[in-house]
Amino acid sequence: MIRLFVLDVPEFRPVIEHAGRSAQSARKVGDYIEFSSTQPIVVGRREARVRRAVWFSSVAALDGGRMAQFDADELRIEPA
């Protein structure tokens, strides 16, 4: 099970909304949104419409998965 954490602040709201589309579940854990999935979680930076500085600082923590891609175009988390 992949668990991806993103800080719940307005700057990261577009990333949160797009991550929620490919994750199987999302819940608030303290100041973070935790996305859980047994399938890859994929977020496109351009689709989320965030600048690179926000994009590259959006991932707070990851458990049970690996970053298969995290570049200027896409964040792709796959099961470990």
Protein backbone atom coordinates (compact mmCIF):
# COMPACT_ATOMS: atom_id res chain seq x y z
CA MET A 1 0.00 0.00 0.00
CA ILE A 2 1.37 3.37 -1.07
CA ARG A 3 0.96 6.25 1.37
CA LEU A 4 1.79 9.73 0.08
CA PHE A 5 1.62 12.78 2.36
CA VAL A 6 1.17 16.37 1.18
CA LEU A 7 1.02 19.36 3.54
CA ASP A 8 -2.53 20.75 3.54
CA VAL A 9 -1.84 24.39 2.62
CA PRO A 10 -3.38 26.54 -0.14
CA GLU A 11 -0.22 26.44 -2.28
CA PHE A 12 -0.45 22.65 -2.57
CA ARG A 13 -4.23 22.47 -3.11
CA PRO A 14 -3.91 21.80 -6.89
CA VAL A 15 -1.49 18.93 -6.21
CA ILE A 16 -3.83 17.56 -3.54
CA GLU A 17 -6.82 17.70 -5.90
CA HIS A 18 -4.97 15.92 -8.70
CA ALA A 19 -3.40 13.29 -6.43
CA GLY A 20 -6.87 12.50 -5.14
CA ARG A 21 -7.95 11.56 -8.66
CA SER A 22 -5.54 8.62 -8.92
CA ALA A 23 -5.35 7.55 -5.25
CA GLN A 24 -7.91 5.10 -3.90
CA SER A 25 -8.46 7.10 -0.72
CA ALA A 26 -7.50 10.38 0.92
CA ARG A 27 -7.82 11.53 4.51
CA LYS A 28 -6.62 14.37 6.69
CA VAL A 29 -3.91 13.38 9.16
CA GLY A 30 -2.91 16.33 11.31
CA ASP A 31 -1.70 19.06 8.95
CA TYR A 32 -1.32 16.65 6.03
CA ILE A 33 -3.45 14.89 3.45
CA GLU A 34 -2.61 11.20 3.24
CA PHE A 35 -3.27 9.49 -0.08
CA SER A 36 -3.42 5.69 -0.07
CA SER A 37 -3.46 3.33 -3.01
CA THR A 38 -2.40 -0.13 -4.13
CA GLN A 39 -2.08 1.25 -7.67
CA PRO A 40 0.31 3.98 -8.89
CA ILE A 41 -0.46 7.55 -7.90
CA VAL A 42 0.20 9.88 -10.82
CA VAL A 43 0.01 13.68 -10.90
CA GLY A 44 0.91 15.88 -13.87
CA ARG A 45 2.45 19.25 -13.00
CA ARG A 46 0.96 21.07 -15.97
CA GLU A 47 -2.50 19.61 -15.35
CA ALA A 48 -2.26 20.69 -11.71
CA ARG A 49 -1.08 24.10 -12.92
CA VAL A 50 1.62 24.66 -10.32
CA ARG A 51 4.99 26.32 -10.67
CA ARG A 52 8.14 24.27 -10.34
CA ALA A 53 9.10 25.65 -6.92
CA VAL A 54 5.74 24.59 -5.47
CA TRP A 55 5.80 21.32 -7.40
CA PHE A 56 9.19 20.14 -6.15
CA SER A 57 8.35 21.00 -2.52
CA SER A 58 4.90 19.36 -2.45
CA VAL A 59 5.83 15.83 -1.31
CA ALA A 60 6.18 15.73 2.47
CA ALA A 61 6.59 11.96 2.97
CA LEU A 62 6.18 8.63 1.24
CA ASP A 63 5.67 5.15 2.68
CA GLY A 64 5.25 1.80 0.96
CA GLY A 65 6.08 3.09 -2.48
CA ARG A 66 8.87 4.44 -4.61
CA MET A 67 9.17 7.50 -6.79
CA ALA A 68 9.33 6.11 -10.30
CA GLN A 69 9.28 9.66 -11.69
CA PHE A 70 9.45 13.10 -10.13
CA ASP A 71 10.53 15.66 -12.66
CA ALA A 72 9.18 18.91 -14.09
CA ASP A 73 6.36 17.04 -15.84
CA GLU A 74 5.05 14.26 -13.61
CA LEU A 75 5.02 12.70 -10.17
CA ARG A 76 4.56 8.93 -10.36
CA ILE A 77 4.58 6.84 -7.19
CA GLU A 78 4.53 3.05 -7.65
CA PRO A 79 4.18 0.26 -5.10
CA ALA A 80 7.54 -0.78 -3.61
